[in-house]
């Protein structure tokens, strides 16, 4: 993995017209993979994840000059990626005028149609279990389980209390455990 300058250096370089584009490219390279997997776990589909990430980085380009640095750059990027993903999922629900369970079945069906899918493998059962969760629990579970994001940082990204996040994660883990044992 390539070593990148620290975020403060990247932000300072972004503010300089001579190094703005180079700094933005470095920000993308530094965070693109982590953000891609964060988004992909929420929306499942590779193409959708790429589209969301592209939209997200356009918003970052437009908003980075006004970034007040109240939070870490990483936290700010995650918040934008999360919001873009949630907006996408909400638009999908409206577009299909489907119930929440139909949408969740749609995500499960996307997963099952994946050429690498093998329903007997535990990892796929885990993924199907995650997709069966309500949206908020799925988001909290992914941030904690895959990204190993501390609750304190998660509370800044999702703008909710640590206690609520811990409860959501606990409920999500229980539901996934039951799903794996019963399927």
Protein backbone atom coordinates (compact mmCIF):
# COMPACT_ATOMS: atom_id res chain seq x y z
CA UNK A 1 0.00 0.00 0.00
CA UNK A 2 1.33 3.39 -0.99
CA UNK A 3 2.14 5.87 1.72
CA UNK A 4 0.19 9.09 1.52
CA UNK A 5 0.79 12.46 3.14
CA UNK A 6 -1.22 13.09 6.30
CA UNK A 7 -4.65 14.64 5.86
CA UNK A 8 -3.58 18.09 7.05
CA UNK A 9 -0.88 18.22 4.35
CA UNK A 10 -3.41 17.07 1.74
CA UNK A 11 -5.90 19.72 2.85
CA UNK A 12 -3.23 22.44 2.80
CA UNK A 13 -2.14 21.35 -0.68
CA UNK A 14 -5.77 21.36 -1.84
CA UNK A 15 -6.08 25.02 -0.78
CA UNK A 16 -3.09 25.93 -2.95
CA UNK A 17 -4.18 26.47 -6.59
CA UNK A 18 -0.87 25.06 -7.86
CA UNK A 19 -1.28 21.72 -6.02
CA UNK A 20 -5.08 21.51 -5.76
CA UNK A 21 -5.65 18.78 -8.38
CA UNK A 22 -2.66 16.74 -7.24
CA UNK A 23 -3.89 16.88 -3.62
CA UNK A 24 -7.40 15.83 -4.63
CA UNK A 25 -6.01 12.89 -6.62
CA UNK A 26 -4.01 11.87 -3.54
CA UNK A 27 -7.15 12.07 -1.35
CA UNK A 28 -9.00 9.84 -3.81
CA UNK A 29 -6.15 7.33 -3.94
CA UNK A 30 -5.82 7.32 -0.16
CA UNK A 31 -9.50 6.70 0.62
CA UNK A 32 -11.11 5.28 -2.53
CA UNK A 33 -10.81 1.58 -1.67
CA UNK A 34 -12.09 1.92 1.91
CA UNK A 35 -14.98 4.09 0.77
CA UNK A 36 -15.79 1.75 -2.14
CA UNK A 37 -16.17 -1.23 0.19
CA UNK A 38 -18.18 0.83 2.66
CA UNK A 39 -20.60 1.82 -0.11
CA UNK A 40 -20.59 -1.62 -1.74
CA UNK A 41 -21.63 -3.30 1.49
CA UNK A 42 -24.61 -0.97 1.65
CA UNK A 43 -25.80 -1.20 -1.98
CA UNK A 44 -24.33 -4.63 -2.91
CA UNK A 45 -23.97 -3.98 -6.65
CA UNK A 46 -20.49 -3.09 -7.98
CA UNK A 47 -21.76 -0.67 -10.65
CA UNK A 48 -24.04 1.10 -8.18
CA UNK A 49 -21.15 1.41 -5.72
CA UNK A 50 -18.92 2.93 -8.41
CA UNK A 51 -21.62 5.41 -9.43
CA UNK A 52 -22.20 6.45 -5.83
CA UNK A 53 -18.47 6.83 -5.22
CA UNK A 54 -18.11 8.99 -8.33
CA UNK A 55 -20.99 11.24 -7.19
CA UNK A 56 -19.52 11.36 -3.72
CA UNK A 57 -16.10 12.52 -4.97
CA UNK A 58 -17.76 15.19 -7.13
CA UNK A 59 -19.44 16.51 -3.96
CA UNK A 60 -16.12 16.33 -2.12
CA UNK A 61 -14.39 18.32 -4.91
CA UNK A 62 -17.09 20.98 -4.72
CA UNK A 63 -17.21 21.09 -0.91
CA UNK A 64 -13.63 20.56 0.19
CA UNK A 65 -12.75 24.25 0.08
CA UNK A 66 -15.46 24.85 2.69
CA UNK A 67 -14.46 21.89 4.89
CA UNK A 68 -14.24 23.45 8.36
CA UNK A 69 -12.12 20.64 9.81
CA UNK A 70 -14.53 20.20 12.74
CA UNK A 71 -14.02 16.49 12.16
CA UNK A 72 -11.29 14.42 10.58
CA UNK A 73 -11.22 14.30 6.78
CA UNK A 74 -11.84 10.54 6.93
CA UNK A 75 -14.98 11.04 9.04
CA UNK A 76 -16.26 13.73 6.70
CA UNK A 77 -15.70 11.52 3.63
CA UNK A 78 -17.47 8.59 5.31
CA UNK A 79 -20.43 10.80 6.16
CA UNK A 80 -20.76 11.93 2.54
CA UNK A 81 -20.40 8.34 1.27
CA UNK A 82 -22.99 7.14 3.77
CA UNK A 83 -25.45 9.89 2.87
CA UNK A 84 -24.99 9.28 -0.86
CA UNK A 85 -25.60 5.55 -0.33
CA UNK A 86 -28.71 6.14 1.78
CA UNK A 87 -30.03 8.61 -0.81
CA UNK A 88 -29.40 6.04 -3.56
CA UNK A 89 -31.23 3.32 -1.60
CA UNK A 90 -34.15 5.66 -0.93
CA UNK A 91 -34.36 6.52 -4.65
CA UNK A 92 -34.29 2.82 -5.52
CA UNK A 93 -37.20 2.20 -3.16
CA UNK A 94 -39.21 5.07 -4.68
CA UNK A 95 -38.34 4.04 -8.22
CA UNK A 96 -39.49 0.49 -7.69
CA UNK A 97 -42.39 1.56 -5.45
CA UNK A 98 -41.68 -1.62 -3.56
CA UNK A 99 -42.09 -2.37 0.08
CA UNK A 100 -39.02 -2.50 2.28
CA UNK A 101 -39.08 -6.30 2.28
CA UNK A 102 -39.20 -6.34 -1.54
CA UNK A 103 -36.17 -4.05 -1.66
CA UNK A 104 -34.29 -6.23 0.79
CA UNK A 105 -35.24 -9.28 -1.28
CA UNK A 106 -33.91 -7.40 -4.31
CA UNK A 107 -30.56 -6.95 -2.59
CA UNK A 108 -30.54 -10.61 -1.60
CA UNK A 109 -31.37 -11.60 -5.18
CA UNK A 110 -28.49 -9.47 -6.48
CA UNK A 111 -26.22 -11.30 -4.06
CA UNK A 112 -27.56 -14.72 -5.09
CA UNK A 113 -27.09 -13.92 -8.80
CA UNK A 114 -23.43 -13.05 -8.22
CA UNK A 115 -21.28 -15.57 -10.12
CA UNK A 116 -19.13 -16.12 -7.03
CA UNK A 117 -22.14 -16.90 -4.85
CA UNK A 118 -22.27 -20.26 -3.07
CA UNK A 119 -25.17 -20.44 -0.61
CA UNK A 120 -23.41 -23.16 1.38
CA UNK A 121 -20.46 -20.96 2.29
CA UNK A 122 -20.61 -19.21 5.64
CA UNK A 123 -19.40 -15.90 4.18
CA UNK A 124 -22.41 -15.82 1.84
CA UNK A 125 -24.77 -16.70 4.65
CA UNK A 126 -23.25 -13.79 6.55
CA UNK A 127 -23.83 -11.48 3.57
CA UNK A 128 -27.43 -12.64 3.19
CA UNK A 129 -27.93 -12.17 6.94
CA UNK A 130 -26.57 -8.63 6.69
CA UNK A 131 -28.89 -7.88 3.76
CA UNK A 132 -31.87 -9.05 5.82
CA UNK A 133 -31.23 -6.34 8.43
CA UNK A 134 -33.08 -3.01 8.51
CA UNK A 135 -31.06 -0.30 6.75
CA UNK A 136 -29.76 1.45 9.89
CA UNK A 137 -28.67 -1.80 11.55
CA UNK A 138 -26.99 -2.93 8.32
CA UNK A 139 -25.06 0.33 8.15
CA UNK A 140 -23.95 0.18 11.80
CA UNK A 141 -22.99 -3.50 11.50
CA UNK A 142 -20.90 -2.87 8.36
CA UNK A 143 -19.08 0.11 9.86
CA UNK A 144 -18.26 -1.80 13.05
CA UNK A 145 -17.63 -5.31 11.70
CA UNK A 146 -15.85 -4.58 8.40
CA UNK A 147 -14.40 -1.12 8.90
CA UNK A 148 -13.73 -1.67 12.61
CA UNK A 149 -14.82 1.91 13.17
CA UNK A 150 -14.88 2.92 16.84
CA UNK A 151 -18.31 3.88 18.19
CA UNK A 152 -17.05 7.39 18.95
CA UNK A 153 -16.13 7.99 15.31
CA UNK A 154 -19.27 6.25 14.08
CA UNK A 155 -21.38 8.60 16.20
CA UNK A 156 -19.81 11.56 14.37
CA UNK A 157 -20.32 9.96 10.94
CA UNK A 158 -23.94 9.00 11.59
CA UNK A 159 -24.70 11.89 13.95
CA UNK A 160 -26.23 9.71 16.67
CA UNK A 161 -25.28 8.64 20.19
CA UNK A 162 -22.75 5.93 20.95
CA UNK A 163 -25.34 4.14 23.11
CA UNK A 164 -27.82 3.94 20.22
CA UNK A 165 -25.07 2.62 17.95
CA UNK A 166 -24.03 -0.05 20.45
CA UNK A 167 -27.64 -1.17 20.77
CA UNK A 168 -28.08 -1.25 16.97
CA UNK A 169 -24.90 -3.29 16.56
CA UNK A 170 -25.93 -5.72 19.30
CA UNK A 171 -29.39 -6.24 17.73
CA UNK A 172 -27.86 -6.62 14.26
CA UNK A 173 -25.32 -9.20 15.44
CA UNK A 174 -28.09 -11.20 17.15
CA UNK A 175 -30.27 -11.15 14.02
CA UNK A 176 -27.36 -12.22 11.81
CA UNK A 177 -26.47 -15.03 14.21
CA UNK A 178 -30.08 -16.27 14.13
CA UNK A 179 -30.17 -15.97 10.35
CA UNK A 180 -27.00 -18.04 9.91
CA UNK A 181 -28.16 -20.71 12.36
CA UNK A 182 -31.62 -21.00 10.79
CA UNK A 183 -30.64 -20.94 7.09
